[in-house]
Amino acid sequence: MSNMSNILDFNREFVEKREYEQYLTDKFPDKKMVIITCMDTRLVELLPKAMNLRNGDVKIIKNAGAIISQPFGSVVRSVLVAIYELEADEVIVIGHYGCGMTGLNSQHIIDKAKQRGVEDVVLDTLTNSGIKLHHWLRGFNDVHEGVMNSVQVLRKHPLLPSDVPVHGMVIHPDTGALEWIADGYRYLDNNDAEPGHHTPSATR
């Protein structure tokens, strides 16, 4: 039986037994927060549990590495929608140790794409269209750097309200232990860019 068949079989029973009732809420985040984090499988249940989050508490945006690669991409758009339309007023970027985006080699991805049937002419067309694949597919040197880069993109964004704190955190994917590496409250109080040090004490 396929994964999709298993999912649909389970779903029918889930609905019939009204198990959804324990998750009922509305579209507005009760804690008025937006979290941008990694798509890592270890964080699916661990991160909400480690942060004492329940269904309906926050908006969670996931991608590879919690990376905001451009200020006018879909991640920032989602943040702005959450703030302006869904009453969120605080943002946290959460990376994690052991992230697959650490030291990611973009050439390896391109090589694997070619092995899976993507032709050179397609890659050449993208390159000639101005798409910098190596830049687009790259990761970061360490998770602190990745989190701080995403935090800075948001803090400097012209459409982000000036009173919205943007924090940076790193979670351990085994224990759920959190490090607060970028204090959005202090940043707003100081109205000055943080240096992006790697220890919580340097940013609080």
N, C-alpha and C. Protein backbone atom coordinates (compact mmCIF):
# COMPACT_ATOMS: atom_id res chain seq x y z
N MET A 1 0.85 -1.19 0.00
CA MET A 1 0.00 0.00 0.00
C MET A 1 0.89 1.25 0.00
N SER A 2 0.52 2.25 -0.77
CA SER A 2 1.32 3.45 -0.91
C SER A 2 1.17 4.37 0.30
N ASN A 3 2.10 5.32 0.42
CA ASN A 3 2.00 6.32 1.48
C ASN A 3 0.67 7.07 1.41
N MET A 4 0.27 7.43 0.20
CA MET A 4 -0.97 8.20 0.05
C MET A 4 -2.18 7.39 0.47
N SER A 5 -2.19 6.11 0.15
CA SER A 5 -3.31 5.25 0.58
C SER A 5 -3.36 5.16 2.10
N ASN A 6 -2.21 5.00 2.73
CA ASN A 6 -2.17 4.96 4.18
C ASN A 6 -2.67 6.25 4.80
N ILE A 7 -2.26 7.37 4.22
CA ILE A 7 -2.70 8.67 4.73
C ILE A 7 -4.21 8.81 4.63
N LEU A 8 -4.75 8.47 3.48
CA LEU A 8 -6.19 8.64 3.28
C LEU A 8 -7.00 7.69 4.14
N ASP A 9 -6.51 6.47 4.33
CA ASP A 9 -7.21 5.53 5.21
C ASP A 9 -7.24 6.05 6.64
N PHE A 10 -6.10 6.53 7.10
CA PHE A 10 -6.03 7.08 8.45
C PHE A 10 -6.93 8.30 8.58
N ASN A 11 -6.92 9.15 7.55
CA ASN A 11 -7.68 10.39 7.60
C ASN A 11 -9.18 10.14 7.72
N ARG A 12 -9.66 9.14 7.00
CA ARG A 12 -11.09 8.82 7.09
C ARG A 12 -11.48 8.45 8.52
N GLU A 13 -10.64 7.65 9.16
CA GLU A 13 -10.91 7.24 10.53
C GLU A 13 -10.77 8.44 11.49
N PHE A 14 -9.79 9.28 11.23
CA PHE A 14 -9.56 10.48 12.05
C PHE A 14 -10.80 11.38 12.06
N VAL A 15 -11.38 11.58 10.87
CA VAL A 15 -12.56 12.44 10.76
C VAL A 15 -13.78 11.76 11.36
N GLU A 16 -13.95 10.47 11.05
CA GLU A 16 -15.12 9.75 11.57
C GLU A 16 -15.16 9.74 13.09
N LYS A 17 -13.99 9.65 13.71
CA LYS A 17 -13.92 9.61 15.18
C LYS A 17 -13.87 11.01 15.80
N ARG A 18 -13.95 12.04 14.94
CA ARG A 18 -13.97 13.43 15.38
C ARG A 18 -12.73 13.79 16.21
N GLU A 19 -11.61 13.18 15.86
CA GLU A 19 -10.39 13.46 16.60
C GLU A 19 -9.87 14.87 16.35
N TYR A 20 -10.38 15.51 15.30
CA TYR A 20 -9.98 16.88 14.99
C TYR A 20 -10.44 17.89 16.04
N GLU A 21 -11.43 17.52 16.83
CA GLU A 21 -12.02 18.48 17.75
C GLU A 21 -11.02 19.03 18.76
N GLN A 22 -10.02 18.24 19.13
CA GLN A 22 -9.03 18.70 20.10
C GLN A 22 -8.08 19.75 19.51
N TYR A 23 -8.11 19.91 18.20
CA TYR A 23 -7.22 20.87 17.54
C TYR A 23 -7.96 22.12 17.04
N LEU A 24 -9.24 22.22 17.28
CA LEU A 24 -10.01 23.34 16.75
C LEU A 24 -9.52 24.67 17.30
N THR A 25 -9.33 25.62 16.40
CA THR A 25 -8.91 26.97 16.76
C THR A 25 -9.28 27.87 15.59
N ASP A 26 -8.75 29.10 15.56
CA ASP A 26 -9.01 29.95 14.40
C ASP A 26 -7.68 30.32 13.74
N LYS A 27 -7.73 31.23 12.78
CA LYS A 27 -6.53 31.55 11.99
C LYS A 27 -5.61 32.55 12.66
N PHE A 28 -6.01 33.13 13.77
CA PHE A 28 -5.20 34.14 14.43
C PHE A 28 -4.32 33.50 15.51
N PRO A 29 -3.01 33.75 15.49
CA PRO A 29 -2.12 33.12 16.47
C PRO A 29 -2.33 33.70 17.87
N ASP A 30 -2.67 32.84 18.82
CA ASP A 30 -2.96 33.29 20.18
C ASP A 30 -1.79 34.01 20.81
N LYS A 31 -0.57 33.56 20.53
CA LYS A 31 0.61 34.20 21.11
C LYS A 31 1.17 35.30 20.22
N LYS A 32 0.47 35.57 19.13
CA LYS A 32 0.81 36.68 18.23
C LYS A 32 2.25 36.62 17.74
N MET A 33 2.70 35.43 17.43
CA MET A 33 4.07 35.23 16.99
C MET A 33 4.13 34.50 15.65
N VAL A 34 5.21 34.78 14.91
CA VAL A 34 5.53 34.06 13.68
C VAL A 34 6.88 33.40 13.89
N ILE A 35 6.98 32.11 13.58
CA ILE A 35 8.24 31.38 13.68
C ILE A 35 8.66 30.94 12.29
N ILE A 36 9.91 31.23 11.95
CA ILE A 36 10.51 30.73 10.71
C ILE A 36 11.54 29.70 11.13
N THR A 37 11.37 28.47 10.69
CA THR A 37 12.28 27.42 11.12
C THR A 37 12.55 26.44 9.98
N CYS A 38 13.36 25.45 10.28
CA CYS A 38 13.79 24.50 9.26
C CYS A 38 12.76 23.39 9.05
N MET A 39 12.80 22.77 7.90
CA MET A 39 11.89 21.68 7.57
C MET A 39 12.37 20.34 8.11
N ASP A 40 13.46 20.34 8.88
CA ASP A 40 14.06 19.10 9.38
C ASP A 40 13.02 18.21 10.06
N THR A 41 13.06 16.93 9.77
CA THR A 41 12.08 15.98 10.32
C THR A 41 12.14 15.89 11.84
N ARG A 42 13.30 16.15 12.42
CA ARG A 42 13.44 16.04 13.87
C ARG A 42 12.69 17.14 14.62
N LEU A 43 12.31 18.18 13.91
CA LEU A 43 11.68 19.32 14.56
C LEU A 43 10.16 19.31 14.46
N VAL A 44 9.60 18.38 13.72
CA VAL A 44 8.16 18.41 13.46
C VAL A 44 7.36 18.46 14.76
N GLU A 45 7.66 17.57 15.68
CA GLU A 45 6.97 17.58 16.97
C GLU A 45 7.82 18.19 18.07
N LEU A 46 9.15 18.03 17.95
CA LEU A 46 10.04 18.48 19.02
C LEU A 46 9.98 19.98 19.25
N LEU A 47 10.04 20.77 18.19
CA LEU A 47 10.10 22.22 18.36
C LEU A 47 8.87 22.78 19.08
N PRO A 48 7.65 22.44 18.66
CA PRO A 48 6.49 22.95 19.42
C PRO A 48 6.48 22.49 20.87
N LYS A 49 6.87 21.23 21.11
CA LYS A 49 6.89 20.73 22.49
C LYS A 49 7.93 21.48 23.32
N ALA A 50 9.11 21.71 22.73
CA ALA A 50 10.19 22.38 23.45
C ALA A 50 9.85 23.84 23.75
N MET A 51 8.92 24.42 22.99
CA MET A 51 8.54 25.82 23.19
C MET A 51 7.17 25.96 23.84
N ASN A 52 6.59 24.83 24.26
CA ASN A 52 5.27 24.85 24.89
C ASN A 52 4.21 25.48 23.99
N LEU A 53 4.20 25.07 22.73
CA LEU A 53 3.26 25.60 21.75
C LEU A 53 2.16 24.59 21.45
N ARG A 54 0.96 25.10 21.38
CA ARG A 54 -0.19 24.27 21.03
C ARG A 54 -0.78 24.72 19.70
N ASN A 55 -1.64 23.91 19.16
CA ASN A 55 -2.30 24.28 17.91
C ASN A 55 -3.01 25.61 18.09
N GLY A 56 -2.74 26.54 17.19
CA GLY A 56 -3.38 27.85 17.27
C GLY A 56 -2.53 28.92 17.92
N ASP A 57 -1.39 28.54 18.53
CA ASP A 57 -0.58 29.53 19.25
C ASP A 57 0.21 30.45 18.33
N VAL A 58 0.82 29.87 17.28
CA VAL A 58 1.74 30.66 16.44
C VAL A 58 1.57 30.29 14.97
N LYS A 59 2.10 31.15 14.13
CA LYS A 59 2.25 30.84 12.71
C LYS A 59 3.65 30.25 12.52
N ILE A 60 3.76 29.12 11.84
CA ILE A 60 5.06 28.50 11.61
C ILE A 60 5.31 28.40 10.11
N ILE A 61 6.43 28.97 9.68
CA ILE A 61 6.87 28.94 8.28
C ILE A 61 8.11 28.07 8.22
N LYS A 62 8.11 27.08 7.35
CA LYS A 62 9.25 26.16 7.28
C LYS A 62 9.87 26.15 5.89
N ASN A 63 11.19 26.10 5.88
CA ASN A 63 11.92 25.84 4.64
C ASN A 63 13.27 25.24 5.00
N ALA A 64 14.10 24.99 4.02
CA ALA A 64 15.41 24.38 4.29
C ALA A 64 16.32 25.38 4.99
N GLY A 65 16.66 25.10 6.25
CA GLY A 65 17.62 25.93 6.98
C GLY A 65 17.07 27.20 7.59
N ALA A 66 15.76 27.43 7.50
CA ALA A 66 15.17 28.70 7.97
C ALA A 66 15.85 29.89 7.28
N ILE A 67 16.19 29.69 6.02
CA ILE A 67 16.92 30.70 5.26
C ILE A 67 15.95 31.66 4.57
N ILE A 68 16.21 32.94 4.74
CA ILE A 68 15.52 33.96 3.95
C ILE A 68 16.51 34.42 2.90
N SER A 69 16.38 33.92 1.69
CA SER A 69 17.38 34.16 0.66
C SER A 69 17.17 35.48 -0.07
N GLN A 70 15.96 36.01 0.00
CA GLN A 70 15.71 37.29 -0.65
C GLN A 70 14.59 38.03 0.09
N PRO A 71 14.68 39.36 0.16
CA PRO A 71 13.71 40.12 0.95
C PRO A 71 12.31 40.15 0.37
N PHE A 72 12.16 39.84 -0.91
CA PHE A 72 10.83 39.86 -1.50
C PHE A 72 10.42 38.49 -2.03
N GLY A 73 10.80 37.46 -1.29
CA GLY A 73 10.38 36.10 -1.61
C GLY A 73 9.16 35.69 -0.78
N SER A 74 8.80 34.43 -0.89
CA SER A 74 7.57 33.94 -0.26
C SER A 74 7.65 33.90 1.27
N VAL A 75 8.86 33.72 1.83
CA VAL A 75 8.97 33.66 3.28
C VAL A 75 8.62 35.01 3.90
N VAL A 76 9.23 36.07 3.39
CA VAL A 76 8.94 37.40 3.93
C VAL A 76 7.50 37.80 3.65
N ARG A 77 6.99 37.43 2.51
CA ARG A 77 5.58 37.71 2.22
C ARG A 77 4.68 37.07 3.28
N SER A 78 4.99 35.83 3.64
CA SER A 78 4.18 35.15 4.67
C SER A 78 4.28 35.86 6.02
N VAL A 79 5.49 36.34 6.36
CA VAL A 79 5.67 37.08 7.60
C VAL A 79 4.82 38.35 7.59
N LEU A 80 4.85 39.07 6.50
CA LEU A 80 4.11 40.32 6.41
C LEU A 80 2.60 40.08 6.45
N VAL A 81 2.14 39.02 5.81
CA VAL A 81 0.71 38.69 5.88
C VAL A 81 0.32 38.37 7.32
N ALA A 82 1.16 37.61 8.02
CA ALA A 82 0.88 37.26 9.41
C ALA A 82 0.80 38.50 10.29
N ILE A 83 1.66 39.48 10.01
CA ILE A 83 1.69 40.70 10.82
C ILE A 83 0.52 41.62 10.49
N TYR A 84 0.31 41.88 9.22
CA TYR A 84 -0.70 42.87 8.83
C TYR A 84 -2.13 42.33 8.77
N GLU A 85 -2.28 41.03 8.53
CA GLU A 85 -3.62 40.48 8.38
C GLU A 85 -4.04 39.54 9.51
N LEU A 86 -3.07 38.97 10.22
CA LEU A 86 -3.40 37.93 11.19
C LEU A 86 -2.95 38.27 12.62
N GLU A 87 -2.62 39.54 12.85
CA GLU A 87 -2.40 40.09 14.19
C GLU A 87 -1.15 39.59 14.90
N ALA A 88 -0.18 39.06 14.15
CA ALA A 88 1.10 38.71 14.77
C ALA A 88 1.90 39.98 15.00
N ASP A 89 2.70 40.00 16.07
CA ASP A 89 3.50 41.20 16.34
C ASP A 89 4.91 40.87 16.83
N GLU A 90 5.38 39.64 16.55
CA GLU A 90 6.71 39.23 16.97
C GLU A 90 7.18 38.10 16.06
N VAL A 91 8.49 38.07 15.76
CA VAL A 91 9.02 37.08 14.82
C VAL A 91 10.23 36.39 15.46
N ILE A 92 10.32 35.06 15.28
CA ILE A 92 11.49 34.31 15.71
C ILE A 92 12.01 33.48 14.55
N VAL A 93 13.29 33.61 14.26
CA VAL A 93 13.97 32.73 13.31
C VAL A 93 14.69 31.66 14.12
N ILE A 94 14.39 30.38 13.84
CA ILE A 94 14.97 29.29 14.62
C ILE A 94 15.70 28.30 13.71
N GLY A 95 17.02 28.27 13.85
CA GLY A 95 17.82 27.27 13.17
C GLY A 95 18.11 26.11 14.11
N HIS A 96 18.88 25.14 13.65
CA HIS A 96 19.19 24.01 14.52
C HIS A 96 20.57 23.45 14.20
N TYR A 97 21.16 22.83 15.19
CA TYR A 97 22.45 22.18 14.99
C TYR A 97 22.27 20.96 14.09
N GLY A 98 23.33 20.62 13.37
CA GLY A 98 23.27 19.47 12.47
C GLY A 98 22.38 19.70 11.27
N CYS A 99 22.24 20.95 10.86
CA CYS A 99 21.36 21.28 9.73
C CYS A 99 22.01 20.87 8.41
N GLY A 100 21.22 20.33 7.51
CA GLY A 100 21.72 19.90 6.21
C GLY A 100 22.16 21.06 5.33
N MET A 101 21.77 22.29 5.70
CA MET A 101 22.18 23.46 4.92
C MET A 101 23.55 23.96 5.32
N THR A 102 24.12 23.40 6.39
CA THR A 102 25.47 23.80 6.82
C THR A 102 26.49 23.24 5.84
N GLY A 103 27.22 24.13 5.20
CA GLY A 103 28.23 23.71 4.24
C GLY A 103 27.67 23.05 3.00
N LEU A 104 26.41 23.32 2.69
CA LEU A 104 25.79 22.69 1.52
C LEU A 104 26.55 23.03 0.24
N ASN A 105 26.83 22.03 -0.56
CA ASN A 105 27.55 22.20 -1.81
C ASN A 105 26.54 22.26 -2.95
N SER A 106 26.36 23.45 -3.51
CA SER A 106 25.34 23.63 -4.55
C SER A 106 25.66 22.81 -5.79
N GLN A 107 26.94 22.59 -6.07
CA GLN A 107 27.31 21.81 -7.25
C GLN A 107 26.83 20.37 -7.11
N HIS A 108 26.86 19.83 -5.88
CA HIS A 108 26.37 18.47 -5.67
C HIS A 108 24.89 18.36 -6.04
N ILE A 109 24.12 19.38 -5.69
CA ILE A 109 22.68 19.36 -6.02
C ILE A 109 22.50 19.42 -7.54
N ILE A 110 23.26 20.29 -8.18
CA ILE A 110 23.16 20.40 -9.64
C ILE A 110 23.56 19.09 -10.31
N ASP A 111 24.61 18.47 -9.81
CA ASP A 111 25.05 17.19 -10.37
C ASP A 111 23.97 16.12 -10.20
N LYS A 112 23.33 16.09 -9.04
CA LYS A 112 22.27 15.11 -8.79
C LYS A 112 21.05 15.39 -9.66
N ALA A 113 20.77 16.66 -9.89
CA ALA A 113 19.66 17.01 -10.78
C ALA A 113 19.91 16.48 -12.19
N LYS A 114 21.16 16.60 -12.63
CA LYS A 114 21.52 16.10 -13.96
C LYS A 114 21.40 14.57 -14.01
N GLN A 115 21.80 13.90 -12.90
CA GLN A 115 21.67 12.45 -12.84
C GLN A 115 20.21 12.01 -12.89
N ARG A 116 19.32 12.88 -12.39
CA ARG A 116 17.89 12.55 -12.38
C ARG A 116 17.18 13.00 -13.66
N GLY A 117 17.94 13.49 -14.64
CA GLY A 117 17.34 13.76 -15.94
C GLY A 117 17.24 15.22 -16.34
N VAL A 118 17.66 16.15 -15.48
CA VAL A 118 17.64 17.56 -15.87
C VAL A 118 18.80 17.79 -16.85
N GLU A 119 18.46 18.29 -18.03
CA GLU A 119 19.45 18.41 -19.09
C GLU A 119 20.28 19.68 -18.96
N ASP A 120 21.49 19.64 -19.54
CA ASP A 120 22.38 20.80 -19.52
C ASP A 120 21.73 22.02 -20.16
N VAL A 121 20.94 21.80 -21.18
CA VAL A 121 20.31 22.93 -21.88
C VAL A 121 19.37 23.68 -20.93
N VAL A 122 18.73 22.95 -20.02
CA VAL A 122 17.86 23.60 -19.04
C VAL A 122 18.68 24.45 -18.09
N LEU A 123 19.78 23.90 -17.60
CA LEU A 123 20.66 24.63 -16.69
C LEU A 123 21.25 25.86 -17.39
N ASP A 124 21.64 25.70 -18.63
CA ASP A 124 22.19 26.82 -19.39
C ASP A 124 21.15 27.91 -19.59
N THR A 125 19.91 27.51 -19.88
CA THR A 125 18.84 28.49 -20.07
C THR A 125 18.58 29.29 -18.79
N LEU A 126 18.59 28.59 -17.65
CA LEU A 126 18.40 29.29 -16.38
C LEU A 126 19.52 30.27 -16.11
N THR A 127 20.74 29.82 -16.36
CA THR A 127 21.90 30.69 -16.15
C THR A 127 21.85 31.91 -17.06
N ASN A 128 21.51 31.70 -18.32
CA ASN A 128 21.42 32.79 -19.29
C ASN A 128 20.27 33.74 -18.99
N SER A 129 19.30 33.26 -18.19
CA SER A 129 18.16 34.11 -17.79
C SER A 129 18.48 34.92 -16.54
N GLY A 130 19.69 34.79 -16.05
CA GLY A 130 20.10 35.57 -14.89
C GLY A 130 19.91 34.89 -13.56
N ILE A 131 19.52 33.62 -13.56
CA ILE A 131 19.34 32.88 -12.32
C ILE A 131 20.68 32.29 -11.90
N LYS A 132 21.16 32.71 -10.74
CA LYS A 132 22.44 32.24 -10.23
C LYS A 132 22.21 31.01 -9.36
N LEU A 133 22.24 29.85 -10.00
CA LEU A 133 21.89 28.61 -9.31
C LEU A 133 22.80 28.34 -8.12
N HIS A 134 24.07 28.59 -8.27
CA HIS A 134 25.00 28.30 -7.18
C HIS A 134 24.71 29.17 -5.96
N HIS A 135 24.30 30.39 -6.21
CA HIS A 135 23.94 31.29 -5.11
C HIS A 135 22.61 30.88 -4.50
N TRP A 136 21.66 30.54 -5.36
CA TRP A 136 20.31 30.20 -4.91
C TRP A 136 20.30 28.91 -4.09
N LEU A 137 21.15 27.97 -4.44
CA LEU A 137 21.16 26.65 -3.80
C LEU A 137 22.14 26.54 -2.63
N ARG A 138 22.84 27.60 -2.31
CA ARG A 138 23.86 27.51 -1.27
C ARG A 138 23.23 27.54 0.12
N GLY A 139 24.00 27.04 1.09
CA GLY A 139 23.56 27.07 2.47
C GLY A 139 24.31 28.13 3.25
N PHE A 140 24.86 27.73 4.42
CA PHE A 140 25.63 28.67 5.24
C PHE A 140 26.78 27.92 5.89
N ASN A 141 27.72 28.67 6.44
CA ASN A 141 28.90 28.04 7.04
C ASN A 141 28.60 27.43 8.41
N ASP A 142 27.79 28.11 9.22
CA ASP A 142 27.31 27.52 10.46
C ASP A 142 25.92 28.06 10.77
N VAL A 143 25.23 27.40 11.65
CA VAL A 143 23.83 27.71 11.88
C VAL A 143 23.64 29.11 12.46
N HIS A 144 24.57 29.56 13.28
CA HIS A 144 24.45 30.91 13.84
C HIS A 144 24.49 31.96 12.74
N GLU A 145 25.40 31.76 11.81
CA GLU A 145 25.48 32.67 10.66
C GLU A 145 24.17 32.66 9.88
N GLY A 146 23.64 31.46 9.64
CA GLY A 146 22.40 31.36 8.88
C GLY A 146 21.24 32.07 9.56
N VAL A 147 21.11 31.88 10.88
CA VAL A 147 20.03 32.53 11.62
C VAL A 147 20.20 34.05 11.59
N MET A 148 21.42 34.51 11.86
CA MET A 148 21.65 35.96 11.90
C MET A 148 21.42 36.61 10.55
N ASN A 149 21.77 35.93 9.46
CA ASN A 149 21.51 36.49 8.13
C ASN A 149 20.02 36.68 7.90
N SER A 150 19.22 35.68 8.30
CA SER A 150 17.77 35.79 8.12
C SER A 150 17.18 36.87 9.03
N VAL A 151 17.68 36.95 10.25
CA VAL A 151 17.22 37.99 11.18
C VAL A 151 17.48 39.38 10.60
N GLN A 152 18.67 39.57 10.05
CA GLN A 152 19.02 40.89 9.52
C GLN A 152 18.18 41.26 8.29
N VAL A 153 17.86 40.27 7.46
CA VAL A 153 17.00 40.55 6.30
C VAL A 153 15.66 41.11 6.77
N LEU A 154 15.12 40.50 7.81
CA LEU A 154 13.82 40.97 8.32
C LEU A 154 13.94 42.33 9.01
N ARG A 155 14.95 42.49 9.85
CA ARG A 155 15.09 43.75 10.58
C ARG A 155 15.27 44.95 9.66
N LYS A 156 15.91 44.72 8.52
CA LYS A 156 16.18 45.81 7.58
C LYS A 156 15.10 45.96 6.51
N HIS A 157 14.07 45.13 6.59
CA HIS A 157 13.06 45.14 5.52
C HIS A 157 12.23 46.41 5.57
N PRO A 158 12.05 47.08 4.45
CA PRO A 158 11.32 48.35 4.44
C PRO A 158 9.83 48.22 4.78
N LEU A 159 9.27 47.03 4.65
CA LEU A 159 7.84 46.85 4.93
C LEU A 159 7.56 46.28 6.31
N LEU A 160 8.60 45.95 7.07
CA LEU A 160 8.38 45.44 8.41
C LEU A 160 8.14 46.61 9.36
N PRO A 161 7.07 46.57 10.15
CA PRO A 161 6.83 47.66 11.11
C PRO A 161 8.02 47.81 12.06
N SER A 162 8.33 49.04 12.39
CA SER A 162 9.53 49.31 13.19
C SER A 162 9.40 48.85 14.64
N ASP A 163 8.19 48.50 15.08
CA ASP A 163 8.00 48.07 16.47
C ASP A 163 7.91 46.55 16.61
N VAL A 164 8.19 45.81 15.55
CA VAL A 164 8.11 44.34 15.60
C VAL A 164 9.48 43.76 15.95
N PRO A 165 9.62 43.10 17.10
CA PRO A 165 10.90 42.49 17.44
C PRO A 165 11.15 41.23 16.61
N VAL A 166 12.38 41.09 16.14
CA VAL A 166 12.79 39.90 15.38
C VAL A 166 13.91 39.23 16.17
N HIS A 167 13.66 38.02 16.63
CA HIS A 167 14.61 37.28 17.44
C HIS A 167 15.29 36.18 16.61
N GLY A 168 16.43 35.71 17.10
CA GLY A 168 17.09 34.56 16.51
C GLY A 168 17.36 33.52 17.58
N MET A 169 17.08 32.26 17.27
CA MET A 169 17.32 31.17 18.20
C MET A 169 17.91 29.97 17.47
N VAL A 170 18.58 29.10 18.24
CA VAL A 170 19.07 27.84 17.71
C VAL A 170 18.59 26.73 18.65
N ILE A 171 18.04 25.67 18.08
CA ILE A 171 17.54 24.55 18.87
C ILE A 171 18.42 23.33 18.64
N HIS A 172 18.62 22.54 19.70
CA HIS A 172 19.33 21.27 19.56
C HIS A 172 18.31 20.23 19.11
N PRO A 173 18.53 19.55 17.98
CA PRO A 173 17.52 18.65 17.44
C PRO A 173 17.34 17.35 18.21
N ASP A 174 18.20 17.09 19.20
CA ASP A 174 18.03 15.89 20.02
C ASP A 174 17.34 16.21 21.34
N THR A 175 17.78 17.27 22.00
CA THR A 175 17.26 17.57 23.34
C THR A 175 16.16 18.62 23.34
N GLY A 176 16.10 19.45 22.28
CA GLY A 176 15.15 20.56 22.26
C GLY A 176 15.65 21.79 22.99
N ALA A 177 16.89 21.75 23.50
CA ALA A 177 17.44 22.91 24.20
C ALA A 177 17.56 24.10 23.25
N LEU A 178 17.18 25.29 23.73
CA LEU A 178 17.16 26.50 22.92
C LEU A 178 18.24 27.48 23.33
N GLU A 179 18.85 28.14 22.35
CA GLU A 179 19.77 29.25 22.59
C GLU A 179 19.15 30.50 21.97
N TRP A 180 19.11 31.56 22.72
CA TRP A 180 18.60 32.84 22.23
C TRP A 180 19.80 33.66 21.78
N ILE A 181 20.07 33.71 20.49
CA ILE A 181 21.29 34.35 20.00
C ILE A 181 21.06 35.76 19.46
N ALA A 182 19.83 36.17 19.27
CA ALA A 182 19.54 37.52 18.80
C ALA A 182 18.29 38.02 19.51
N ASP A 183 18.46 39.02 20.35
CA ASP A 183 17.39 39.56 21.19
C ASP A 183 16.70 40.71 20.45
N GLY A 184 15.51 40.47 19.98
CA GLY A 184 14.78 41.50 19.25
C GLY A 184 14.33 42.65 20.11
N TYR A 185 14.10 42.41 21.39
CA TYR A 185 13.70 43.49 22.30
C TYR A 185 14.84 44.48 22.48
N ARG A 186 16.03 43.95 22.75
CA ARG A 186 17.18 44.83 22.94
C ARG A 186 17.51 45.57 21.66
N TYR A 187 17.38 44.87 20.53
CA TYR A 187 17.65 45.53 19.25
C TYR A 187 16.76 46.75 19.08
N LEU A 188 15.46 46.61 19.39
CA LEU A 188 14.55 47.74 19.25
C LEU A 188 14.88 48.83 20.25
N ASP A 189 15.23 48.44 21.47
CA ASP A 189 15.57 49.42 22.50
C ASP A 189 16.81 50.22 22.09
N ASN A 190 17.80 49.52 21.54
CA ASN A 190 19.05 50.19 21.17
C ASN A 190 18.96 50.88 19.82
N ASN A 191 18.00 50.40 19.01
CA ASN A 191 17.87 50.90 17.63
C ASN A 191 19.21 50.87 16.91
N ASP A 192 19.90 49.74 17.11
CA ASP A 192 21.23 49.61 16.55
C ASP A 192 21.43 48.15 16.16
N ALA A 193 22.15 47.91 15.07
CA ALA A 193 22.36 46.54 14.59
C ALA A 193 23.24 45.76 15.56
N GLU A 194 22.86 44.54 15.82
CA GLU A 194 23.67 43.67 16.66
C GLU A 194 24.84 43.12 15.87
N PRO A 195 25.95 42.82 16.55
CA PRO A 195 27.11 42.28 15.84
C PRO A 195 26.94 40.84 15.38
N GLY A 196 25.96 40.11 15.93
CA GLY A 196 25.74 38.73 15.50
C GLY A 196 26.68 37.75 16.14
N HIS A 197 27.05 38.00 17.39
CA HIS A 197 27.92 37.06 18.09
C HIS A 197 27.19 35.73 18.30
N HIS A 198 27.94 34.72 18.60
CA HIS A 198 27.40 33.37 18.69
C HIS A 198 26.94 32.97 20.07
N THR A 199 27.14 33.82 21.06
CA THR A 199 26.74 33.44 22.41
C THR A 199 25.57 34.30 22.85
N PRO A 200 24.58 33.71 23.52
CA PRO A 200 23.42 34.45 23.93
C PRO A 200 23.75 35.69 24.75
N SER A 201 24.78 35.62 25.61
CA SER A 201 25.11 36.74 26.46
C SER A 201 25.56 37.96 25.68
N ALA A 202 26.01 37.73 24.46
CA ALA A 202 26.50 38.85 23.65
C ALA A 202 25.38 39.61 22.98
N THR A 203 24.18 39.06 22.97
CA THR A 203 23.09 39.70 22.26
C THR A 203 21.91 40.06 23.15
N ARG A 204 22.04 39.84 24.43
CA ARG A 204 20.94 40.16 25.34
C ARG A 204 21.31 41.28 26.28
